[in-house]
Amino acid sequence: MSGSSPIKRWPGWLVLFMVLAALLAIGVQRAGQPRTADEREQAIYERLACPVCDGESVVESRAESAVQIREVVAQLVVEGQLTDDQIVRQIDASYVEELALTPGRSGLDLLVWVLPAIAFVGAVAGLIAVFLRWQRTPRAAAPSDEDRAIVAAALADAETTAP
């Protein structure tokens, strides 16, 4: 065996994977943030559902209520007082039905979205562990001449005692 056992190397790979996942999450979040007011408005429109349309976002809908929401969003973005999340929460709170199309970033909403990803990563890690264990399990040796002789004798004995 070379220098270190697989058990000692496994935590290092896990840490490397976690750091890589964190860096990817940070990169995706930064790349996904809109830069201009128009891009910000568009991103907010996509996060809100039309209150009268079934299954359409504010950006897709041509209904009067969706047009009014777009005007309010544009005004709030221009004012620059609120973050995107605050604008979404404010508009969502002003309607009886829930308009937010994206889950909250805390509590049960976050758990519902993150839990399947955690389960998937756990399943993949479990499969990798099983495959590695199978790989380390020694294969059955080929039968020896003595084993073949025992089987031949048992078969011959079974043929002579068979009716």
N, C-alpha and C. Protein backbone atom coordinates (compact mmCIF):
# COMPACT_ATOMS: atom_id res chain seq x y z
N MET A 1 0.85 -1.18 0.00
CA MET A 1 0.00 0.00 0.00
C MET A 1 0.89 1.24 0.00
N SER A 2 0.47 2.26 -0.70
CA SER A 2 1.27 3.47 -0.71
C SER A 2 1.02 4.27 0.56
N GLY A 3 1.78 5.27 0.83
CA GLY A 3 1.87 6.11 2.01
C GLY A 3 0.73 6.16 2.99
N SER A 4 -0.51 6.46 2.59
CA SER A 4 -1.58 6.63 3.56
C SER A 4 -2.77 5.76 3.18
N SER A 5 -3.54 5.39 4.18
CA SER A 5 -4.70 4.54 3.94
C SER A 5 -5.83 5.36 3.34
N PRO A 6 -6.78 4.70 2.67
CA PRO A 6 -7.91 5.44 2.09
C PRO A 6 -8.74 6.18 3.14
N ILE A 7 -8.79 5.66 4.35
CA ILE A 7 -9.56 6.32 5.41
C ILE A 7 -8.96 7.68 5.74
N LYS A 8 -7.66 7.78 5.72
CA LYS A 8 -7.01 9.06 6.03
C LYS A 8 -7.18 10.06 4.88
N ARG A 9 -7.29 9.59 3.66
CA ARG A 9 -7.43 10.48 2.50
C ARG A 9 -8.86 10.96 2.31
N TRP A 10 -9.85 10.22 2.74
CA TRP A 10 -11.26 10.53 2.51
C TRP A 10 -11.69 11.88 3.08
N PRO A 11 -11.33 12.27 4.31
CA PRO A 11 -11.72 13.59 4.80
C PRO A 11 -11.14 14.74 3.96
N GLY A 12 -9.95 14.55 3.45
CA GLY A 12 -9.35 15.58 2.60
C GLY A 12 -10.17 15.81 1.34
N TRP A 13 -10.64 14.74 0.73
CA TRP A 13 -11.48 14.88 -0.47
C TRP A 13 -12.82 15.53 -0.12
N LEU A 14 -13.36 15.18 1.04
CA LEU A 14 -14.63 15.77 1.46
C LEU A 14 -14.48 17.28 1.67
N VAL A 15 -13.40 17.69 2.31
CA VAL A 15 -13.16 19.12 2.52
C VAL A 15 -12.97 19.83 1.19
N LEU A 16 -12.23 19.22 0.28
CA LEU A 16 -12.02 19.80 -1.04
C LEU A 16 -13.35 19.96 -1.78
N PHE A 17 -14.21 18.95 -1.70
CA PHE A 17 -15.51 19.01 -2.35
C PHE A 17 -16.36 20.13 -1.75
N MET A 18 -16.35 20.27 -0.44
CA MET A 18 -17.16 21.31 0.22
C MET A 18 -16.66 22.71 -0.15
N VAL A 19 -15.36 22.89 -0.21
CA VAL A 19 -14.80 24.19 -0.60
C VAL A 19 -15.18 24.50 -2.05
N LEU A 20 -15.09 23.51 -2.91
CA LEU A 20 -15.47 23.70 -4.31
C LEU A 20 -16.94 24.07 -4.44
N ALA A 21 -17.81 23.39 -3.69
CA ALA A 21 -19.24 23.69 -3.73
C ALA A 21 -19.51 25.11 -3.23
N ALA A 22 -18.82 25.53 -2.17
CA ALA A 22 -19.00 26.88 -1.64
C ALA A 22 -18.55 27.92 -2.67
N LEU A 23 -17.42 27.70 -3.30
CA LEU A 23 -16.93 28.64 -4.30
C LEU A 23 -17.88 28.73 -5.50
N LEU A 24 -18.41 27.59 -5.92
CA LEU A 24 -19.36 27.60 -7.03
C LEU A 24 -20.64 28.35 -6.65
N ALA A 25 -21.11 28.16 -5.43
CA ALA A 25 -22.32 28.86 -4.98
C ALA A 25 -22.08 30.36 -4.95
N ILE A 26 -20.94 30.78 -4.46
CA ILE A 26 -20.62 32.21 -4.41
C ILE A 26 -20.53 32.77 -5.83
N GLY A 27 -19.88 32.04 -6.71
CA GLY A 27 -19.73 32.49 -8.10
C GLY A 27 -21.06 32.60 -8.81
N VAL A 28 -21.94 31.62 -8.61
CA VAL A 28 -23.26 31.65 -9.25
C VAL A 28 -24.08 32.81 -8.71
N GLN A 29 -24.02 33.02 -7.40
CA GLN A 29 -24.80 34.10 -6.80
C GLN A 29 -24.31 35.46 -7.30
N ARG A 30 -23.01 35.64 -7.37
CA ARG A 30 -22.49 36.93 -7.85
C ARG A 30 -22.78 37.14 -9.32
N ALA A 31 -22.66 36.08 -10.13
CA ALA A 31 -22.91 36.21 -11.56
C ALA A 31 -24.39 36.44 -11.82
N GLY A 32 -25.26 35.95 -10.94
CA GLY A 32 -26.69 36.06 -11.16
C GLY A 32 -27.27 37.39 -10.73
N GLN A 33 -26.52 38.23 -10.06
CA GLN A 33 -27.07 39.50 -9.60
C GLN A 33 -27.11 40.52 -10.73
N PRO A 34 -28.26 41.16 -10.93
CA PRO A 34 -28.37 42.14 -12.01
C PRO A 34 -27.51 43.37 -11.73
N ARG A 35 -27.04 43.99 -12.79
CA ARG A 35 -26.13 45.13 -12.65
C ARG A 35 -26.83 46.46 -12.88
N THR A 36 -27.75 46.52 -13.83
CA THR A 36 -28.42 47.78 -14.13
C THR A 36 -29.84 47.78 -13.55
N ALA A 37 -30.48 48.95 -13.55
CA ALA A 37 -31.84 49.05 -13.03
C ALA A 37 -32.80 48.18 -13.85
N ASP A 38 -32.62 48.17 -15.18
CA ASP A 38 -33.49 47.35 -16.03
C ASP A 38 -33.33 45.86 -15.72
N GLU A 39 -32.09 45.43 -15.54
CA GLU A 39 -31.84 44.03 -15.20
C GLU A 39 -32.43 43.69 -13.82
N ARG A 40 -32.32 44.61 -12.91
CA ARG A 40 -32.90 44.43 -11.57
C ARG A 40 -34.41 44.30 -11.65
N GLU A 41 -35.04 45.19 -12.41
CA GLU A 41 -36.48 45.12 -12.58
C GLU A 41 -36.89 43.78 -13.19
N GLN A 42 -36.20 43.37 -14.22
CA GLN A 42 -36.51 42.11 -14.90
C GLN A 42 -36.39 40.94 -13.92
N ALA A 43 -35.35 40.94 -13.11
CA ALA A 43 -35.15 39.86 -12.14
C ALA A 43 -36.28 39.84 -11.11
N ILE A 44 -36.76 40.99 -10.70
CA ILE A 44 -37.86 41.06 -9.73
C ILE A 44 -39.16 40.60 -10.39
N TYR A 45 -39.41 41.02 -11.64
CA TYR A 45 -40.60 40.59 -12.35
C TYR A 45 -40.69 39.06 -12.41
N GLU A 46 -39.54 38.43 -12.65
CA GLU A 46 -39.50 36.97 -12.78
C GLU A 46 -39.77 36.27 -11.45
N ARG A 47 -39.61 36.97 -10.36
CA ARG A 47 -39.83 36.38 -9.03
C ARG A 47 -41.26 36.54 -8.54
N LEU A 48 -42.09 37.26 -9.28
CA LEU A 48 -43.47 37.52 -8.85
C LEU A 48 -44.47 36.88 -9.81
N ALA A 49 -45.50 36.28 -9.23
CA ALA A 49 -46.57 35.68 -10.03
C ALA A 49 -47.65 36.72 -10.31
N CYS A 50 -48.28 36.59 -11.44
CA CYS A 50 -49.41 37.45 -11.79
C CYS A 50 -50.58 37.07 -10.89
N PRO A 51 -51.24 38.04 -10.25
CA PRO A 51 -52.33 37.71 -9.32
C PRO A 51 -53.59 37.19 -10.00
N VAL A 52 -53.78 37.45 -11.29
CA VAL A 52 -55.00 36.99 -11.97
C VAL A 52 -54.74 35.88 -12.98
N CYS A 53 -53.52 35.70 -13.39
CA CYS A 53 -53.19 34.66 -14.37
C CYS A 53 -52.80 33.38 -13.64
N ASP A 54 -53.05 32.27 -14.27
CA ASP A 54 -52.71 30.99 -13.65
C ASP A 54 -51.36 30.51 -14.17
N GLY A 55 -50.36 30.53 -13.31
CA GLY A 55 -49.05 29.99 -13.66
C GLY A 55 -48.16 30.92 -14.45
N GLU A 56 -48.48 32.19 -14.54
CA GLU A 56 -47.63 33.13 -15.27
C GLU A 56 -46.95 34.09 -14.31
N SER A 57 -45.73 34.45 -14.66
CA SER A 57 -45.05 35.46 -13.86
C SER A 57 -45.47 36.85 -14.35
N VAL A 58 -45.12 37.85 -13.58
CA VAL A 58 -45.45 39.23 -13.93
C VAL A 58 -44.79 39.61 -15.25
N VAL A 59 -43.61 39.07 -15.51
CA VAL A 59 -42.90 39.42 -16.74
C VAL A 59 -43.61 38.86 -17.98
N GLU A 60 -44.31 37.75 -17.85
CA GLU A 60 -44.98 37.13 -18.99
C GLU A 60 -46.39 37.66 -19.22
N SER A 61 -47.04 38.09 -18.15
CA SER A 61 -48.45 38.44 -18.21
C SER A 61 -48.68 39.82 -18.83
N ARG A 62 -49.81 39.93 -19.53
CA ARG A 62 -50.24 41.21 -20.09
C ARG A 62 -51.47 41.74 -19.35
N ALA A 63 -51.85 41.09 -18.25
CA ALA A 63 -53.01 41.52 -17.48
C ALA A 63 -52.74 42.88 -16.84
N GLU A 64 -53.81 43.62 -16.58
CA GLU A 64 -53.69 44.97 -16.01
C GLU A 64 -52.99 44.95 -14.66
N SER A 65 -53.29 43.95 -13.82
CA SER A 65 -52.65 43.88 -12.50
C SER A 65 -51.14 43.63 -12.63
N ALA A 66 -50.75 42.85 -13.61
CA ALA A 66 -49.32 42.60 -13.83
C ALA A 66 -48.62 43.88 -14.31
N VAL A 67 -49.29 44.63 -15.16
CA VAL A 67 -48.73 45.90 -15.62
C VAL A 67 -48.56 46.86 -14.44
N GLN A 68 -49.55 46.90 -13.55
CA GLN A 68 -49.45 47.76 -12.37
C GLN A 68 -48.30 47.33 -11.45
N ILE A 69 -48.13 46.03 -11.29
CA ILE A 69 -47.02 45.53 -10.46
C ILE A 69 -45.69 45.93 -11.08
N ARG A 70 -45.58 45.80 -12.41
CA ARG A 70 -44.33 46.20 -13.07
C ARG A 70 -44.05 47.68 -12.86
N GLU A 71 -45.10 48.52 -12.90
CA GLU A 71 -44.91 49.96 -12.67
C GLU A 71 -44.43 50.24 -11.24
N VAL A 72 -45.02 49.55 -10.27
CA VAL A 72 -44.61 49.73 -8.87
C VAL A 72 -43.17 49.28 -8.68
N VAL A 73 -42.81 48.14 -9.27
CA VAL A 73 -41.43 47.64 -9.16
C VAL A 73 -40.47 48.63 -9.77
N ALA A 74 -40.79 49.14 -10.94
CA ALA A 74 -39.91 50.11 -11.60
C ALA A 74 -39.72 51.34 -10.73
N GLN A 75 -40.79 51.82 -10.12
CA GLN A 75 -40.71 53.00 -9.25
C GLN A 75 -39.83 52.70 -8.03
N LEU A 76 -40.02 51.54 -7.41
CA LEU A 76 -39.24 51.20 -6.22
C LEU A 76 -37.76 51.01 -6.55
N VAL A 77 -37.47 50.47 -7.71
CA VAL A 77 -36.07 50.29 -8.13
C VAL A 77 -35.42 51.65 -8.36
N VAL A 78 -36.13 52.54 -9.01
CA VAL A 78 -35.59 53.88 -9.28
C VAL A 78 -35.32 54.62 -7.97
N GLU A 79 -36.24 54.47 -6.99
CA GLU A 79 -36.04 55.12 -5.70
C GLU A 79 -34.79 54.60 -5.00
N GLY A 80 -34.48 53.32 -5.19
CA GLY A 80 -33.24 52.76 -4.65
C GLY A 80 -33.23 52.57 -3.14
N GLN A 81 -34.36 52.63 -2.48
CA GLN A 81 -34.43 52.51 -1.03
C GLN A 81 -34.45 51.05 -0.56
N LEU A 82 -34.98 50.14 -1.39
CA LEU A 82 -35.20 48.76 -0.98
C LEU A 82 -34.35 47.79 -1.80
N THR A 83 -34.03 46.67 -1.17
CA THR A 83 -33.35 45.60 -1.90
C THR A 83 -34.38 44.84 -2.73
N ASP A 84 -33.93 43.97 -3.60
CA ASP A 84 -34.83 43.17 -4.41
C ASP A 84 -35.75 42.32 -3.54
N ASP A 85 -35.18 41.69 -2.51
CA ASP A 85 -35.98 40.87 -1.61
C ASP A 85 -37.04 41.70 -0.90
N GLN A 86 -36.69 42.89 -0.48
CA GLN A 86 -37.66 43.75 0.20
C GLN A 86 -38.78 44.17 -0.74
N ILE A 87 -38.45 44.44 -1.99
CA ILE A 87 -39.48 44.81 -2.97
C ILE A 87 -40.43 43.65 -3.19
N VAL A 88 -39.89 42.44 -3.34
CA VAL A 88 -40.73 41.26 -3.54
C VAL A 88 -41.64 41.06 -2.33
N ARG A 89 -41.08 41.17 -1.13
CA ARG A 89 -41.89 40.99 0.09
C ARG A 89 -42.98 42.06 0.19
N GLN A 90 -42.65 43.30 -0.14
CA GLN A 90 -43.63 44.39 -0.05
C GLN A 90 -44.79 44.16 -1.01
N ILE A 91 -44.50 43.79 -2.25
CA ILE A 91 -45.56 43.57 -3.23
C ILE A 91 -46.36 42.32 -2.85
N ASP A 92 -45.67 41.28 -2.40
CA ASP A 92 -46.35 40.05 -2.00
C ASP A 92 -47.30 40.31 -0.83
N ALA A 93 -46.88 41.16 0.11
CA ALA A 93 -47.71 41.47 1.28
C ALA A 93 -48.93 42.30 0.91
N SER A 94 -48.88 43.02 -0.21
CA SER A 94 -50.00 43.89 -0.57
C SER A 94 -51.12 43.13 -1.30
N TYR A 95 -50.95 41.84 -1.55
CA TYR A 95 -51.98 41.03 -2.20
C TYR A 95 -52.40 39.89 -1.28
N VAL A 96 -53.64 39.47 -1.42
CA VAL A 96 -54.16 38.39 -0.59
C VAL A 96 -53.45 37.08 -0.92
N GLU A 97 -53.36 36.77 -2.21
CA GLU A 97 -52.69 35.54 -2.62
C GLU A 97 -51.17 35.73 -2.62
N GLU A 98 -50.46 34.63 -2.48
CA GLU A 98 -49.00 34.73 -2.45
C GLU A 98 -48.49 34.87 -3.88
N LEU A 99 -47.66 35.88 -4.08
CA LEU A 99 -47.14 36.16 -5.42
C LEU A 99 -45.70 35.73 -5.60
N ALA A 100 -44.98 35.50 -4.53
CA ALA A 100 -43.56 35.15 -4.64
C ALA A 100 -43.43 33.79 -5.31
N LEU A 101 -42.64 33.73 -6.39
CA LEU A 101 -42.41 32.48 -7.11
C LEU A 101 -41.18 31.73 -6.59
N THR A 102 -40.33 32.42 -5.87
CA THR A 102 -39.12 31.79 -5.34
C THR A 102 -39.28 31.58 -3.84
N PRO A 103 -38.66 30.53 -3.32
CA PRO A 103 -38.81 30.26 -1.89
C PRO A 103 -38.04 31.26 -1.05
N GLY A 104 -38.44 31.37 0.21
CA GLY A 104 -37.71 32.22 1.14
C GLY A 104 -36.31 31.66 1.38
N ARG A 105 -35.46 32.49 1.92
CA ARG A 105 -34.07 32.07 2.13
C ARG A 105 -33.81 31.64 3.56
N SER A 106 -34.87 31.33 4.29
CA SER A 106 -34.69 30.84 5.65
C SER A 106 -35.89 29.99 6.03
N GLY A 107 -35.76 29.29 7.13
CA GLY A 107 -36.86 28.51 7.68
C GLY A 107 -37.23 27.31 6.84
N LEU A 108 -38.51 26.99 6.87
CA LEU A 108 -39.02 25.80 6.20
C LEU A 108 -38.88 25.89 4.68
N ASP A 109 -39.07 27.07 4.12
CA ASP A 109 -38.92 27.23 2.66
C ASP A 109 -37.53 26.80 2.21
N LEU A 110 -36.53 27.26 2.92
CA LEU A 110 -35.15 26.90 2.56
C LEU A 110 -34.93 25.40 2.73
N LEU A 111 -35.46 24.83 3.79
CA LEU A 111 -35.28 23.41 4.06
C LEU A 111 -35.91 22.56 2.95
N VAL A 112 -37.08 22.96 2.48
CA VAL A 112 -37.77 22.21 1.43
C VAL A 112 -36.94 22.21 0.14
N TRP A 113 -36.23 23.27 -0.14
CA TRP A 113 -35.44 23.34 -1.36
C TRP A 113 -34.05 22.74 -1.21
N VAL A 114 -33.49 22.78 -0.01
CA VAL A 114 -32.13 22.30 0.19
C VAL A 114 -32.08 20.81 0.51
N LEU A 115 -33.10 20.30 1.19
CA LEU A 115 -33.10 18.90 1.62
C LEU A 115 -32.94 17.91 0.46
N PRO A 116 -33.63 18.06 -0.66
CA PRO A 116 -33.40 17.12 -1.77
C PRO A 116 -31.96 17.15 -2.29
N ALA A 117 -31.36 18.31 -2.32
CA ALA A 117 -29.96 18.39 -2.77
C ALA A 117 -29.04 17.67 -1.79
N ILE A 118 -29.30 17.84 -0.50
CA ILE A 118 -28.49 17.16 0.51
C ILE A 118 -28.68 15.65 0.40
N ALA A 119 -29.93 15.21 0.19
CA ALA A 119 -30.19 13.77 0.04
C ALA A 119 -29.49 13.21 -1.19
N PHE A 120 -29.48 13.97 -2.28
CA PHE A 120 -28.80 13.52 -3.49
C PHE A 120 -27.30 13.37 -3.26
N VAL A 121 -26.70 14.38 -2.63
CA VAL A 121 -25.26 14.31 -2.35
C VAL A 121 -24.96 13.14 -1.42
N GLY A 122 -25.81 12.92 -0.42
CA GLY A 122 -25.62 11.79 0.49
C GLY A 122 -25.73 10.46 -0.24
N ALA A 123 -26.69 10.35 -1.16
CA ALA A 123 -26.84 9.11 -1.92
C ALA A 123 -25.63 8.85 -2.81
N VAL A 124 -25.13 9.89 -3.46
CA VAL A 124 -23.94 9.73 -4.30
C VAL A 124 -22.74 9.32 -3.44
N ALA A 125 -22.59 9.96 -2.29
CA ALA A 125 -21.48 9.60 -1.39
C ALA A 125 -21.63 8.17 -0.91
N GLY A 126 -22.84 7.73 -0.61
CA GLY A 126 -23.08 6.35 -0.20
C GLY A 126 -22.72 5.36 -1.30
N LEU A 127 -23.12 5.68 -2.53
CA LEU A 127 -22.77 4.80 -3.66
C LEU A 127 -21.27 4.72 -3.86
N ILE A 128 -20.60 5.85 -3.75
CA ILE A 128 -19.14 5.85 -3.90
C ILE A 128 -18.51 4.98 -2.82
N ALA A 129 -19.00 5.11 -1.58
CA ALA A 129 -18.44 4.30 -0.49
C ALA A 129 -18.66 2.81 -0.74
N VAL A 130 -19.85 2.44 -1.22
CA VAL A 130 -20.14 1.03 -1.50
C VAL A 130 -19.25 0.51 -2.63
N PHE A 131 -19.11 1.30 -3.69
CA PHE A 131 -18.26 0.87 -4.81
C PHE A 131 -16.81 0.72 -4.38
N LEU A 132 -16.34 1.63 -3.55
CA LEU A 132 -14.97 1.51 -3.05
C LEU A 132 -14.80 0.27 -2.19
N ARG A 133 -15.79 -0.05 -1.37
CA ARG A 133 -15.72 -1.25 -0.53
C ARG A 133 -15.72 -2.50 -1.41
N TRP A 134 -16.57 -2.51 -2.45
CA TRP A 134 -16.59 -3.66 -3.36
C TRP A 134 -15.25 -3.82 -4.04
N GLN A 135 -14.64 -2.71 -4.39
CA GLN A 135 -13.35 -2.76 -5.09
C GLN A 135 -12.28 -3.35 -4.17
N ARG A 136 -12.35 -3.06 -2.88
CA ARG A 136 -11.34 -3.55 -1.94
C ARG A 136 -11.59 -4.99 -1.50
N THR A 137 -12.82 -5.50 -1.69
CA THR A 137 -13.14 -6.87 -1.29
C THR A 137 -12.39 -7.83 -2.19
N PRO A 138 -11.65 -8.78 -1.59
CA PRO A 138 -10.89 -9.71 -2.43
C PRO A 138 -11.82 -10.60 -3.25
N ARG A 139 -11.43 -10.84 -4.46
CA ARG A 139 -12.20 -11.68 -5.36
C ARG A 139 -12.00 -13.15 -4.95
N ALA A 140 -13.00 -13.95 -5.25
CA ALA A 140 -12.89 -15.38 -4.95
C ALA A 140 -11.79 -15.99 -5.82
N ALA A 141 -10.98 -16.82 -5.19
CA ALA A 141 -9.89 -17.47 -5.93
C ALA A 141 -10.46 -18.56 -6.83
N ALA A 142 -9.77 -18.86 -7.87
CA ALA A 142 -10.18 -19.94 -8.77
C ALA A 142 -10.12 -21.26 -8.00
N PRO A 143 -11.02 -22.18 -8.30
CA PRO A 143 -11.01 -23.45 -7.57
C PRO A 143 -9.72 -24.23 -7.81
N SER A 144 -9.27 -24.86 -6.75
CA SER A 144 -8.04 -25.67 -6.85
C SER A 144 -8.40 -27.06 -7.36
N ASP A 145 -7.37 -27.85 -7.64
CA ASP A 145 -7.60 -29.23 -8.10
C ASP A 145 -8.31 -30.04 -7.02
N GLU A 146 -7.98 -29.74 -5.76
CA GLU A 146 -8.63 -30.44 -4.64
C GLU A 146 -10.12 -30.12 -4.60
N ASP A 147 -10.49 -28.81 -4.82
CA ASP A 147 -11.90 -28.42 -4.85
C ASP A 147 -12.64 -29.12 -5.98
N ARG A 148 -12.00 -29.22 -7.14
CA ARG A 148 -12.62 -29.90 -8.29
C ARG A 148 -12.84 -31.38 -8.00
N ALA A 149 -11.90 -32.00 -7.33
CA ALA A 149 -12.03 -33.42 -6.99
C ALA A 149 -13.19 -33.64 -6.02
N ILE A 150 -13.37 -32.74 -5.05
CA ILE A 150 -14.47 -32.87 -4.10
C ILE A 150 -15.81 -32.74 -4.81
N VAL A 151 -15.92 -31.79 -5.72
CA VAL A 151 -17.17 -31.60 -6.47
C VAL A 151 -17.44 -32.82 -7.36
N ALA A 152 -16.42 -33.32 -8.03
CA ALA A 152 -16.58 -34.49 -8.90
C ALA A 152 -17.04 -35.69 -8.08
N ALA A 153 -16.46 -35.88 -6.90
CA ALA A 153 -16.87 -37.01 -6.05
C ALA A 153 -18.31 -36.84 -5.59
N ALA A 154 -18.71 -35.62 -5.23
CA ALA A 154 -20.08 -35.39 -4.80
C ALA A 154 -21.07 -35.64 -5.94
N LEU A 155 -20.71 -35.23 -7.15
CA LEU A 155 -21.59 -35.46 -8.29
C LEU A 155 -21.70 -36.95 -8.61
N ALA A 156 -20.58 -37.64 -8.54
CA ALA A 156 -20.59 -39.08 -8.81
C ALA A 156 -21.43 -39.81 -7.76
N ASP A 157 -21.31 -39.39 -6.49
CA ASP A 157 -22.09 -40.00 -5.42
C ASP A 157 -23.58 -39.72 -5.61
N ALA A 158 -23.91 -38.51 -6.08
CA ALA A 158 -25.32 -38.17 -6.30
C ALA A 158 -25.91 -38.98 -7.45
N GLU A 159 -25.10 -39.28 -8.47
CA GLU A 159 -25.59 -40.08 -9.61
C GLU A 159 -25.83 -41.52 -9.21
N THR A 160 -24.98 -42.05 -8.34
CA THR A 160 -25.15 -43.45 -7.96
C THR A 160 -26.31 -43.64 -7.00
N THR A 161 -26.64 -42.65 -6.21
CA THR A 161 -27.73 -42.78 -5.25
C THR A 161 -29.06 -42.31 -5.82
N ALA A 162 -29.06 -41.74 -6.98
CA ALA A 162 -30.30 -41.25 -7.58
C ALA A 162 -31.13 -42.42 -8.07
N PRO A 163 -32.48 -42.40 -7.92
CA PRO A 163 -33.34 -43.53 -8.36
C PRO A 163 -33.45 -43.66 -9.84
